[in-house]
């Protein structure tokens, strides 16, 4: 007999905190086998290389403007990084002036040409209304509504929050179609408190 799906988290918590004995791996595996999408119970986490890429983007002298990451097996691994040394050498003000027309299209292309959902971190450069150059690190989740199998959407959805907590970036944006990746839409999201 199968356990009701909504009771699984409670059952696993009960089994893991039981004062009488530790839960048997065999029992948990049998419970997992009885449930659809039981493979999603496995913890998917970023690799050390993924975390290092995010830390590199935090630095003032970062060589890349953005990085994208994908789920492979039980890990979140680097997918695409983008940096343009000649533009970086021009300084933050010049980067901010050219960001919308040079870096942003490359970022959108990296996400929309991907073969599935992606996590992304971008060092967003812009000039404020009062003329100051500003840089803000932003986490963007890309999970297109069209063409993405349900399983990939479920893996992405169940992993996104944990990934964002792990990388600890305050500004977040979720994109589910190309209109969500328009520069103005994301810039507006960036400016929200």
N, C-alpha and C. Protein backbone atom coordinates (compact mmCIF):
# COMPACT_ATOMS: atom_id res chain seq x y z
N UNK A 1 0.85 -1.18 0.00
CA UNK A 1 0.00 0.00 0.00
C UNK A 1 0.90 1.25 0.00
N UNK A 2 0.50 2.25 -0.79
CA UNK A 2 1.30 3.46 -0.92
C UNK A 2 0.92 4.51 0.13
N UNK A 3 1.94 5.23 0.59
CA UNK A 3 1.69 6.32 1.54
C UNK A 3 1.15 7.52 0.77
N UNK A 4 0.19 8.27 1.32
CA UNK A 4 -0.28 9.49 0.64
C UNK A 4 0.88 10.46 0.47
N UNK A 5 0.93 11.12 -0.68
CA UNK A 5 2.04 12.02 -1.02
C UNK A 5 2.21 13.12 0.00
N UNK A 6 1.14 13.69 0.50
CA UNK A 6 1.25 14.80 1.43
C UNK A 6 1.81 14.39 2.79
N UNK A 7 1.81 13.11 3.07
CA UNK A 7 2.31 12.64 4.36
C UNK A 7 3.80 12.29 4.33
N UNK A 8 4.39 12.23 3.15
CA UNK A 8 5.79 11.83 3.05
C UNK A 8 6.72 12.70 3.87
N UNK A 9 6.66 14.06 3.75
CA UNK A 9 7.59 14.86 4.56
C UNK A 9 7.43 14.60 6.06
N UNK A 10 6.20 14.48 6.52
CA UNK A 10 5.98 14.21 7.94
C UNK A 10 6.53 12.85 8.34
N UNK A 11 6.33 11.87 7.49
CA UNK A 11 6.82 10.53 7.76
C UNK A 11 8.34 10.52 7.84
N UNK A 12 9.00 11.19 6.90
CA UNK A 12 10.47 11.22 6.90
C UNK A 12 11.00 11.95 8.13
N UNK A 13 10.34 13.04 8.52
CA UNK A 13 10.76 13.76 9.73
C UNK A 13 10.59 12.87 10.94
N UNK A 14 9.44 12.22 11.05
CA UNK A 14 9.19 11.34 12.18
C UNK A 14 10.24 10.24 12.26
N UNK A 15 10.52 9.64 11.10
CA UNK A 15 11.49 8.55 11.10
C UNK A 15 12.89 9.03 11.46
N UNK A 16 13.25 10.24 11.02
CA UNK A 16 14.61 10.71 11.26
C UNK A 16 14.82 11.25 12.67
N UNK A 17 13.76 11.67 13.35
CA UNK A 17 13.94 12.20 14.70
C UNK A 17 13.47 11.22 15.77
N UNK A 18 13.14 10.05 15.36
CA UNK A 18 12.68 9.05 16.31
C UNK A 18 13.74 8.81 17.37
N UNK A 19 13.34 8.87 18.64
CA UNK A 19 14.27 8.67 19.74
C UNK A 19 14.61 7.20 19.93
N UNK A 20 13.80 6.33 19.37
CA UNK A 20 13.98 4.90 19.60
C UNK A 20 15.06 4.29 18.73
N UNK A 21 15.12 4.71 17.48
CA UNK A 21 16.16 4.17 16.60
C UNK A 21 16.26 5.03 15.36
N UNK A 22 17.41 4.97 14.73
CA UNK A 22 17.60 5.70 13.48
C UNK A 22 16.80 4.99 12.39
N UNK A 23 16.25 5.76 11.43
CA UNK A 23 15.48 5.12 10.38
C UNK A 23 16.36 4.25 9.50
N UNK A 24 15.81 3.17 9.10
CA UNK A 24 16.57 2.28 8.24
C UNK A 24 16.57 2.84 6.82
N UNK A 25 17.73 2.83 6.19
CA UNK A 25 17.83 3.30 4.82
C UNK A 25 16.94 2.47 3.92
N UNK A 26 16.84 1.19 4.21
CA UNK A 26 16.00 0.30 3.43
C UNK A 26 14.54 0.76 3.48
N UNK A 27 14.06 1.13 4.65
CA UNK A 27 12.68 1.59 4.79
C UNK A 27 12.45 2.86 3.98
N UNK A 28 13.37 3.82 4.10
CA UNK A 28 13.23 5.09 3.36
C UNK A 28 13.27 4.82 1.86
N UNK A 29 14.16 3.94 1.41
CA UNK A 29 14.21 3.61 -0.02
C UNK A 29 12.91 2.99 -0.49
N UNK A 30 12.30 2.12 0.32
CA UNK A 30 11.01 1.52 -0.05
C UNK A 30 9.93 2.59 -0.15
N UNK A 31 9.93 3.56 0.74
CA UNK A 31 8.96 4.65 0.68
C UNK A 31 9.18 5.45 -0.60
N UNK A 32 10.44 5.76 -0.91
CA UNK A 32 10.75 6.53 -2.12
C UNK A 32 10.30 5.80 -3.37
N UNK A 33 10.49 4.49 -3.41
CA UNK A 33 10.12 3.73 -4.59
C UNK A 33 8.62 3.73 -4.83
N UNK A 34 7.83 3.91 -3.81
CA UNK A 34 6.38 3.91 -3.96
C UNK A 34 5.82 5.25 -4.42
N UNK A 35 6.63 6.28 -4.44
CA UNK A 35 6.12 7.60 -4.77
C UNK A 35 6.60 8.06 -6.13
N UNK A 36 5.69 8.68 -6.91
CA UNK A 36 6.15 9.27 -8.17
C UNK A 36 7.11 10.41 -7.86
N UNK A 37 8.06 10.66 -8.73
CA UNK A 37 9.05 11.71 -8.59
C UNK A 37 9.88 11.53 -7.33
N UNK A 38 10.04 10.31 -6.87
CA UNK A 38 10.80 10.07 -5.64
C UNK A 38 12.26 10.46 -5.80
N UNK A 39 12.74 10.50 -7.03
CA UNK A 39 14.13 10.89 -7.27
C UNK A 39 14.36 12.35 -6.88
N UNK A 40 13.29 13.14 -6.75
CA UNK A 40 13.44 14.54 -6.38
C UNK A 40 13.75 14.73 -4.90
N UNK A 41 13.66 13.65 -4.13
CA UNK A 41 13.95 13.74 -2.71
C UNK A 41 15.45 13.84 -2.45
N UNK A 42 16.25 13.60 -3.47
CA UNK A 42 17.70 13.68 -3.34
C UNK A 42 18.08 15.16 -3.29
N UNK A 43 19.01 15.51 -2.46
CA UNK A 43 19.45 16.89 -2.31
C UNK A 43 20.37 17.27 -3.47
N UNK A 44 19.99 18.31 -4.18
CA UNK A 44 20.80 18.83 -5.28
C UNK A 44 21.51 20.07 -4.76
N UNK A 45 22.83 20.10 -4.86
CA UNK A 45 23.57 21.23 -4.30
C UNK A 45 24.65 21.71 -5.27
N UNK A 46 25.07 22.98 -5.11
CA UNK A 46 26.11 23.52 -5.99
C UNK A 46 27.47 22.91 -5.69
N UNK A 47 28.26 22.75 -6.73
CA UNK A 47 29.62 22.26 -6.58
C UNK A 47 30.51 23.39 -6.05
N UNK A 48 31.70 23.03 -5.63
CA UNK A 48 32.67 24.03 -5.16
C UNK A 48 33.00 25.01 -6.29
N UNK A 49 33.09 24.51 -7.52
CA UNK A 49 33.39 25.37 -8.67
C UNK A 49 32.26 26.38 -8.90
N UNK A 50 31.02 25.96 -8.73
CA UNK A 50 29.88 26.85 -8.87
C UNK A 50 29.96 27.97 -7.84
N UNK A 51 30.19 27.59 -6.59
CA UNK A 51 30.29 28.60 -5.52
C UNK A 51 31.46 29.54 -5.75
N UNK A 52 32.56 29.02 -6.29
CA UNK A 52 33.72 29.86 -6.58
C UNK A 52 33.40 30.86 -7.69
N UNK A 53 32.66 30.42 -8.72
CA UNK A 53 32.26 31.34 -9.79
C UNK A 53 31.42 32.49 -9.25
N UNK A 54 30.51 32.19 -8.33
CA UNK A 54 29.67 33.23 -7.73
C UNK A 54 30.54 34.18 -6.90
N UNK A 55 31.46 33.63 -6.12
CA UNK A 55 32.36 34.48 -5.31
C UNK A 55 33.22 35.36 -6.21
N UNK A 56 33.68 34.82 -7.33
CA UNK A 56 34.48 35.62 -8.27
C UNK A 56 33.68 36.81 -8.81
N UNK A 57 32.38 36.60 -9.06
CA UNK A 57 31.55 37.70 -9.56
C UNK A 57 31.35 38.79 -8.50
N UNK A 58 31.47 38.46 -7.24
CA UNK A 58 31.32 39.44 -6.15
C UNK A 58 32.49 40.44 -6.11
N UNK A 59 33.63 40.03 -6.60
CA UNK A 59 34.84 40.85 -6.49
C UNK A 59 34.76 42.07 -7.41
N UNK A 60 35.38 43.17 -6.97
CA UNK A 60 35.42 44.39 -7.79
C UNK A 60 36.20 44.19 -9.08
N UNK A 61 37.17 43.31 -9.05
CA UNK A 61 37.98 43.07 -10.25
C UNK A 61 37.58 41.76 -10.95
N UNK A 62 36.31 41.39 -10.86
CA UNK A 62 35.84 40.15 -11.48
C UNK A 62 36.13 40.16 -12.98
N UNK A 63 36.57 39.02 -13.49
CA UNK A 63 36.87 38.97 -14.92
C UNK A 63 35.63 38.67 -15.76
N UNK A 64 34.55 38.19 -15.13
CA UNK A 64 33.33 37.88 -15.86
C UNK A 64 32.19 38.83 -15.48
N UNK A 65 31.25 38.98 -16.40
CA UNK A 65 30.05 39.78 -16.15
C UNK A 65 28.91 38.90 -15.64
N UNK A 66 28.88 37.64 -16.09
CA UNK A 66 27.83 36.75 -15.63
C UNK A 66 28.27 35.31 -15.73
N UNK A 67 27.53 34.46 -15.03
CA UNK A 67 27.74 33.01 -15.10
C UNK A 67 26.37 32.34 -15.03
N UNK A 68 26.22 31.26 -15.79
CA UNK A 68 24.99 30.48 -15.70
C UNK A 68 25.34 29.09 -15.19
N UNK A 69 24.35 28.45 -14.57
CA UNK A 69 24.57 27.14 -13.94
C UNK A 69 23.39 26.23 -14.27
N UNK A 70 23.68 24.93 -14.33
CA UNK A 70 22.62 23.97 -14.63
C UNK A 70 22.70 22.78 -13.68
N UNK A 71 21.60 22.05 -13.61
CA UNK A 71 21.55 20.86 -12.78
C UNK A 71 22.02 19.67 -13.62
N UNK A 72 23.02 18.97 -13.10
CA UNK A 72 23.51 17.74 -13.72
C UNK A 72 23.57 16.70 -12.61
N UNK A 73 22.71 15.70 -12.71
CA UNK A 73 22.65 14.68 -11.66
C UNK A 73 22.19 15.29 -10.36
N UNK A 74 23.04 15.22 -9.34
CA UNK A 74 22.72 15.76 -8.02
C UNK A 74 23.49 17.04 -7.72
N UNK A 75 24.00 17.71 -8.78
CA UNK A 75 24.83 18.90 -8.58
C UNK A 75 24.38 20.05 -9.47
N UNK A 76 24.65 21.25 -8.99
CA UNK A 76 24.49 22.45 -9.81
C UNK A 76 25.89 22.83 -10.25
N UNK A 77 26.11 22.79 -11.56
CA UNK A 77 27.45 22.98 -12.12
C UNK A 77 27.50 24.20 -13.03
N UNK A 78 28.69 24.79 -13.21
CA UNK A 78 28.82 25.92 -14.13
C UNK A 78 28.47 25.51 -15.55
N UNK A 79 27.85 26.44 -16.27
CA UNK A 79 27.46 26.20 -17.65
C UNK A 79 28.18 27.19 -18.57
N UNK A 80 27.86 28.47 -18.44
CA UNK A 80 28.45 29.50 -19.30
C UNK A 80 28.97 30.63 -18.42
N UNK A 81 30.16 31.12 -18.72
CA UNK A 81 30.65 32.36 -18.11
C UNK A 81 30.96 33.33 -19.24
N UNK A 82 30.79 34.60 -18.97
CA UNK A 82 31.03 35.60 -20.01
C UNK A 82 31.77 36.78 -19.42
N UNK A 83 32.88 37.10 -20.05
CA UNK A 83 33.66 38.28 -19.69
C UNK A 83 34.28 38.84 -20.95
N UNK A 84 34.40 40.12 -21.01
CA UNK A 84 34.99 40.76 -22.17
C UNK A 84 36.10 41.66 -21.65
N UNK A 85 37.34 41.20 -21.76
CA UNK A 85 38.48 41.87 -21.14
C UNK A 85 38.64 43.32 -21.60
N UNK A 86 38.43 43.58 -22.88
CA UNK A 86 38.63 44.95 -23.38
C UNK A 86 37.59 45.90 -22.78
N UNK A 87 36.35 45.44 -22.65
CA UNK A 87 35.33 46.28 -22.05
C UNK A 87 35.59 46.46 -20.55
N UNK A 88 36.00 45.40 -19.87
CA UNK A 88 36.32 45.49 -18.43
C UNK A 88 37.42 46.53 -18.20
N UNK A 89 38.40 46.57 -19.10
CA UNK A 89 39.53 47.48 -18.96
C UNK A 89 39.10 48.94 -19.07
N UNK A 90 37.96 49.21 -19.67
CA UNK A 90 37.49 50.59 -19.83
C UNK A 90 36.93 51.16 -18.52
N UNK A 91 36.66 50.29 -17.54
CA UNK A 91 36.17 50.76 -16.25
C UNK A 91 34.65 50.65 -16.11
N UNK A 92 34.20 50.74 -14.85
CA UNK A 92 32.78 50.53 -14.54
C UNK A 92 31.84 51.51 -15.23
N UNK A 93 32.25 52.77 -15.36
CA UNK A 93 31.37 53.76 -15.98
C UNK A 93 31.12 53.42 -17.45
N UNK A 94 32.15 53.06 -18.16
CA UNK A 94 31.98 52.68 -19.57
C UNK A 94 31.19 51.39 -19.70
N UNK A 95 31.43 50.44 -18.80
CA UNK A 95 30.66 49.20 -18.80
C UNK A 95 29.19 49.52 -18.58
N UNK A 96 28.89 50.39 -17.62
CA UNK A 96 27.50 50.74 -17.33
C UNK A 96 26.83 51.39 -18.54
N UNK A 97 27.56 52.22 -19.26
CA UNK A 97 27.01 52.88 -20.45
C UNK A 97 26.70 51.87 -21.56
N UNK A 98 27.52 50.84 -21.67
CA UNK A 98 27.38 49.86 -22.76
C UNK A 98 26.67 48.58 -22.35
N UNK A 99 26.35 48.45 -21.08
CA UNK A 99 25.81 47.20 -20.54
C UNK A 99 24.56 46.72 -21.28
N UNK A 100 23.59 47.60 -21.45
CA UNK A 100 22.31 47.22 -22.07
C UNK A 100 22.49 46.72 -23.50
N UNK A 101 23.42 47.31 -24.24
CA UNK A 101 23.57 46.97 -25.66
C UNK A 101 24.63 45.92 -25.96
N UNK A 102 25.52 45.65 -25.00
CA UNK A 102 26.58 44.66 -25.29
C UNK A 102 26.48 43.42 -24.41
N UNK A 103 26.44 43.62 -23.11
CA UNK A 103 26.47 42.48 -22.18
C UNK A 103 25.09 41.83 -22.06
N UNK A 104 24.05 42.66 -21.92
CA UNK A 104 22.71 42.10 -21.71
C UNK A 104 22.28 41.16 -22.85
N UNK A 105 22.47 41.52 -24.12
CA UNK A 105 22.08 40.58 -25.20
C UNK A 105 22.84 39.24 -25.11
N UNK A 106 24.10 39.27 -24.71
CA UNK A 106 24.87 38.03 -24.55
C UNK A 106 24.29 37.17 -23.42
N UNK A 107 23.87 37.84 -22.35
CA UNK A 107 23.28 37.15 -21.22
C UNK A 107 21.96 36.48 -21.63
N UNK A 108 21.11 37.23 -22.30
CA UNK A 108 19.82 36.68 -22.75
C UNK A 108 20.04 35.51 -23.70
N UNK A 109 21.01 35.65 -24.60
CA UNK A 109 21.32 34.57 -25.55
C UNK A 109 21.80 33.31 -24.81
N UNK A 110 22.62 33.50 -23.78
CA UNK A 110 23.11 32.34 -23.02
C UNK A 110 21.95 31.59 -22.36
N UNK A 111 20.95 32.31 -21.87
CA UNK A 111 19.82 31.65 -21.22
C UNK A 111 18.86 31.05 -22.23
N UNK A 112 18.47 31.82 -23.23
CA UNK A 112 17.45 31.34 -24.17
C UNK A 112 17.95 30.25 -25.10
N UNK A 113 19.23 30.15 -25.30
CA UNK A 113 19.76 29.08 -26.16
C UNK A 113 20.10 27.81 -25.37
N UNK A 114 19.95 27.88 -24.06
CA UNK A 114 20.25 26.72 -23.21
C UNK A 114 19.22 25.61 -23.44
N UNK A 115 19.62 24.40 -23.13
CA UNK A 115 18.75 23.24 -23.36
C UNK A 115 17.84 22.92 -22.18
N UNK A 116 17.63 23.88 -21.30
CA UNK A 116 16.75 23.67 -20.15
C UNK A 116 16.87 24.82 -19.16
N UNK A 117 16.26 24.67 -18.00
CA UNK A 117 16.32 25.73 -16.99
C UNK A 117 17.76 26.02 -16.55
N UNK A 118 17.98 27.26 -16.14
CA UNK A 118 19.30 27.68 -15.68
C UNK A 118 19.17 28.61 -14.49
N UNK A 119 20.17 28.56 -13.64
CA UNK A 119 20.36 29.55 -12.59
C UNK A 119 21.42 30.49 -13.15
N UNK A 120 21.29 31.77 -12.87
CA UNK A 120 22.29 32.72 -13.38
C UNK A 120 22.59 33.77 -12.32
N UNK A 121 23.81 34.26 -12.37
CA UNK A 121 24.23 35.39 -11.53
C UNK A 121 24.88 36.38 -12.48
N UNK A 122 24.42 37.63 -12.39
CA UNK A 122 24.94 38.67 -13.27
C UNK A 122 25.36 39.88 -12.45
N UNK A 123 26.49 40.46 -12.82
CA UNK A 123 26.99 41.69 -12.21
C UNK A 123 26.39 42.84 -13.04
N UNK A 124 25.22 43.30 -12.60
CA UNK A 124 24.42 44.26 -13.34
C UNK A 124 25.01 45.66 -13.17
N UNK A 125 25.44 46.28 -14.27
CA UNK A 125 26.02 47.62 -14.26
C UNK A 125 25.00 48.61 -14.81
N UNK A 126 24.85 49.75 -14.16
CA UNK A 126 23.93 50.78 -14.66
C UNK A 126 24.32 52.14 -14.09
N UNK A 127 23.71 53.16 -14.65
CA UNK A 127 23.93 54.52 -14.17
C UNK A 127 22.62 55.00 -13.56
N UNK A 128 22.71 55.49 -12.33
CA UNK A 128 21.51 55.94 -11.61
C UNK A 128 21.00 57.26 -12.21
N UNK A 129 19.79 57.65 -11.81
CA UNK A 129 19.20 58.90 -12.31
C UNK A 129 20.04 60.11 -11.97
N UNK A 130 20.77 60.04 -10.85
CA UNK A 130 21.62 61.17 -10.46
C UNK A 130 23.05 61.06 -11.01
N UNK A 131 23.27 60.11 -11.95
CA UNK A 131 24.54 60.03 -12.66
C UNK A 131 25.62 59.16 -12.04
N UNK A 132 25.32 58.43 -10.97
CA UNK A 132 26.32 57.57 -10.35
C UNK A 132 26.37 56.21 -11.05
N UNK A 133 27.56 55.65 -11.14
CA UNK A 133 27.72 54.30 -11.69
C UNK A 133 27.45 53.32 -10.56
N UNK A 134 26.63 52.34 -10.85
CA UNK A 134 26.22 51.37 -9.84
C UNK A 134 26.42 49.94 -10.38
N UNK A 135 26.83 49.05 -9.48
CA UNK A 135 26.94 47.62 -9.80
C UNK A 135 26.15 46.86 -8.74
N UNK A 136 25.31 45.93 -9.20
CA UNK A 136 24.53 45.13 -8.28
C UNK A 136 24.54 43.69 -8.76
N UNK A 137 24.87 42.79 -7.86
CA UNK A 137 24.84 41.36 -8.18
C UNK A 137 23.40 40.88 -8.09
N UNK A 138 22.96 40.14 -9.10
CA UNK A 138 21.57 39.70 -9.16
C UNK A 138 21.51 38.23 -9.56
N UNK A 139 20.62 37.51 -8.89
CA UNK A 139 20.37 36.10 -9.20
C UNK A 139 19.12 36.02 -10.06
N UNK A 140 19.23 35.33 -11.19
CA UNK A 140 18.09 35.21 -12.10
C UNK A 140 17.84 33.73 -12.36
N UNK A 141 16.60 33.32 -12.15
CA UNK A 141 16.20 31.96 -12.46
C UNK A 141 15.53 31.93 -13.81
N UNK A 142 15.94 31.02 -14.67
CA UNK A 142 15.37 30.90 -16.02
C UNK A 142 14.78 29.51 -16.16
N UNK A 143 13.45 29.45 -16.25
CA UNK A 143 12.75 28.19 -16.45
C UNK A 143 11.60 28.44 -17.42
N UNK A 144 11.87 28.30 -18.72
CA UNK A 144 10.84 28.65 -19.71
C UNK A 144 9.59 27.79 -19.58
N UNK A 145 8.43 28.45 -19.66
CA UNK A 145 7.16 27.73 -19.59
C UNK A 145 6.99 26.78 -20.78
N UNK A 146 7.39 27.25 -21.96
CA UNK A 146 7.22 26.45 -23.18
C UNK A 146 8.46 25.59 -23.44
N UNK A 147 8.24 24.34 -23.70
CA UNK A 147 9.31 23.45 -24.10
C UNK A 147 10.11 22.81 -22.98
N UNK A 148 9.80 23.13 -21.75
CA UNK A 148 10.52 22.54 -20.63
C UNK A 148 9.69 21.40 -20.05
N UNK A 149 10.22 20.18 -20.05
CA UNK A 149 9.48 19.04 -19.49
C UNK A 149 9.14 19.26 -18.01
N UNK A 150 8.03 18.68 -17.59
CA UNK A 150 7.55 18.84 -16.21
C UNK A 150 8.61 18.43 -15.20
N UNK A 151 9.34 17.37 -15.47
CA UNK A 151 10.36 16.89 -14.53
C UNK A 151 11.44 17.95 -14.31
N UNK A 152 11.90 18.59 -15.40
CA UNK A 152 12.92 19.64 -15.27
C UNK A 152 12.38 20.84 -14.49
N UNK A 153 11.11 21.18 -14.73
CA UNK A 153 10.50 22.29 -13.98
C UNK A 153 10.44 21.97 -12.49
N UNK A 154 10.10 20.73 -12.18
CA UNK A 154 10.01 20.33 -10.77
C UNK A 154 11.39 20.35 -10.11
N UNK A 155 12.39 19.87 -10.79
CA UNK A 155 13.75 19.88 -10.23
C UNK A 155 14.20 21.32 -10.02
N UNK A 156 13.97 22.17 -11.03
CA UNK A 156 14.35 23.57 -10.92
C UNK A 156 13.64 24.24 -9.74
N UNK A 157 12.33 24.07 -9.68
CA UNK A 157 11.55 24.70 -8.62
C UNK A 157 11.94 24.25 -7.22
N UNK A 158 12.24 22.96 -7.09
CA UNK A 158 12.60 22.44 -5.77
C UNK A 158 14.03 22.79 -5.37
N UNK A 159 14.84 23.20 -6.32
CA UNK A 159 16.25 23.50 -6.06
C UNK A 159 16.52 25.00 -5.95
N UNK A 160 15.70 25.82 -6.60
CA UNK A 160 15.96 27.26 -6.72
C UNK A 160 16.14 27.97 -5.38
N UNK A 161 15.24 27.79 -4.47
CA UNK A 161 15.31 28.50 -3.19
C UNK A 161 16.57 28.12 -2.41
N UNK A 162 16.87 26.84 -2.37
CA UNK A 162 18.07 26.38 -1.66
C UNK A 162 19.33 26.95 -2.30
N UNK A 163 19.37 26.98 -3.64
CA UNK A 163 20.53 27.53 -4.34
C UNK A 163 20.68 29.02 -4.01
N UNK A 164 19.57 29.76 -4.06
CA UNK A 164 19.64 31.20 -3.77
C UNK A 164 20.08 31.47 -2.34
N UNK A 165 19.64 30.63 -1.41
CA UNK A 165 20.07 30.80 -0.03
C UNK A 165 21.56 30.50 0.10
N UNK A 166 22.03 29.52 -0.62
CA UNK A 166 23.45 29.13 -0.54
C UNK A 166 24.37 30.23 -1.07
N UNK A 167 23.95 30.88 -2.18
CA UNK A 167 24.80 31.91 -2.77
C UNK A 167 24.59 33.28 -2.13
N UNK A 168 23.49 33.45 -1.40
CA UNK A 168 23.24 34.65 -0.60
C UNK A 168 23.33 35.94 -1.41
N UNK A 169 22.49 36.05 -2.43
CA UNK A 169 22.40 37.27 -3.22
C UNK A 169 21.01 37.85 -3.00
N UNK A 170 20.95 39.11 -2.58
CA UNK A 170 19.69 39.72 -2.19
C UNK A 170 18.73 40.00 -3.34
N UNK A 171 19.23 40.41 -4.47
CA UNK A 171 18.38 40.76 -5.61
C UNK A 171 18.11 39.51 -6.43
N UNK A 172 16.81 39.24 -6.65
CA UNK A 172 16.41 38.03 -7.37
C UNK A 172 15.37 38.37 -8.42
N UNK A 173 15.35 37.59 -9.49
CA UNK A 173 14.35 37.75 -10.55
C UNK A 173 14.08 36.37 -11.14
N UNK A 174 12.81 36.09 -11.41
CA UNK A 174 12.43 34.84 -12.05
C UNK A 174 11.93 35.13 -13.45
N UNK A 175 12.46 34.40 -14.43
CA UNK A 175 12.06 34.57 -15.83
C UNK A 175 11.53 33.25 -16.37
N UNK A 176 10.31 33.30 -16.93
CA UNK A 176 9.70 32.10 -17.49
C UNK A 176 9.45 32.20 -18.99
N UNK A 177 9.68 33.37 -19.57
CA UNK A 177 9.65 33.52 -21.02
C UNK A 177 10.53 34.72 -21.37
N UNK A 178 10.74 34.95 -22.67
CA UNK A 178 11.67 35.98 -23.09
C UNK A 178 11.24 37.38 -22.67
N UNK A 179 9.94 37.62 -22.52
CA UNK A 179 9.50 38.95 -22.09
C UNK A 179 9.97 39.24 -20.65
N UNK A 180 10.15 38.18 -19.85
CA UNK A 180 10.67 38.35 -18.50
C UNK A 180 12.15 38.70 -18.49
N UNK A 181 12.81 38.54 -19.64
CA UNK A 181 14.24 38.84 -19.75
C UNK A 181 14.51 40.17 -20.46
N UNK A 182 13.45 40.94 -20.75
CA UNK A 182 13.68 42.24 -21.35
C UNK A 182 14.42 43.12 -20.35
N UNK A 183 15.35 43.88 -20.84
CA UNK A 183 16.21 44.70 -19.98
C UNK A 183 15.40 45.55 -19.01
N UNK A 184 14.40 46.26 -19.51
CA UNK A 184 13.60 47.15 -18.68
C UNK A 184 12.88 46.38 -17.56
N UNK A 185 12.38 45.20 -17.87
CA UNK A 185 11.67 44.38 -16.88
C UNK A 185 12.61 43.98 -15.74
N UNK A 186 13.80 43.53 -16.10
CA UNK A 186 14.76 43.10 -15.09
C UNK A 186 15.30 44.30 -14.31
N UNK A 187 15.54 45.41 -15.01
CA UNK A 187 16.03 46.62 -14.34
C UNK A 187 15.01 47.12 -13.33
N UNK A 188 13.74 47.06 -13.68
CA UNK A 188 12.66 47.46 -12.75
C UNK A 188 12.66 46.54 -11.53
N UNK A 189 12.83 45.23 -11.76
CA UNK A 189 12.90 44.26 -10.67
C UNK A 189 14.10 44.54 -9.78
N UNK A 190 15.21 44.91 -10.36
CA UNK A 190 16.44 45.21 -9.63
C UNK A 190 16.25 46.39 -8.67
N UNK A 191 15.47 47.37 -9.08
CA UNK A 191 15.31 48.58 -8.29
C UNK A 191 14.29 48.45 -7.17
N UNK A 192 13.53 47.35 -7.15
CA UNK A 192 12.56 47.15 -6.07
C UNK A 192 13.31 46.83 -4.77
N UNK A 193 12.80 47.35 -3.70
CA UNK A 193 13.43 47.14 -2.39
C UNK A 193 13.10 45.77 -1.87
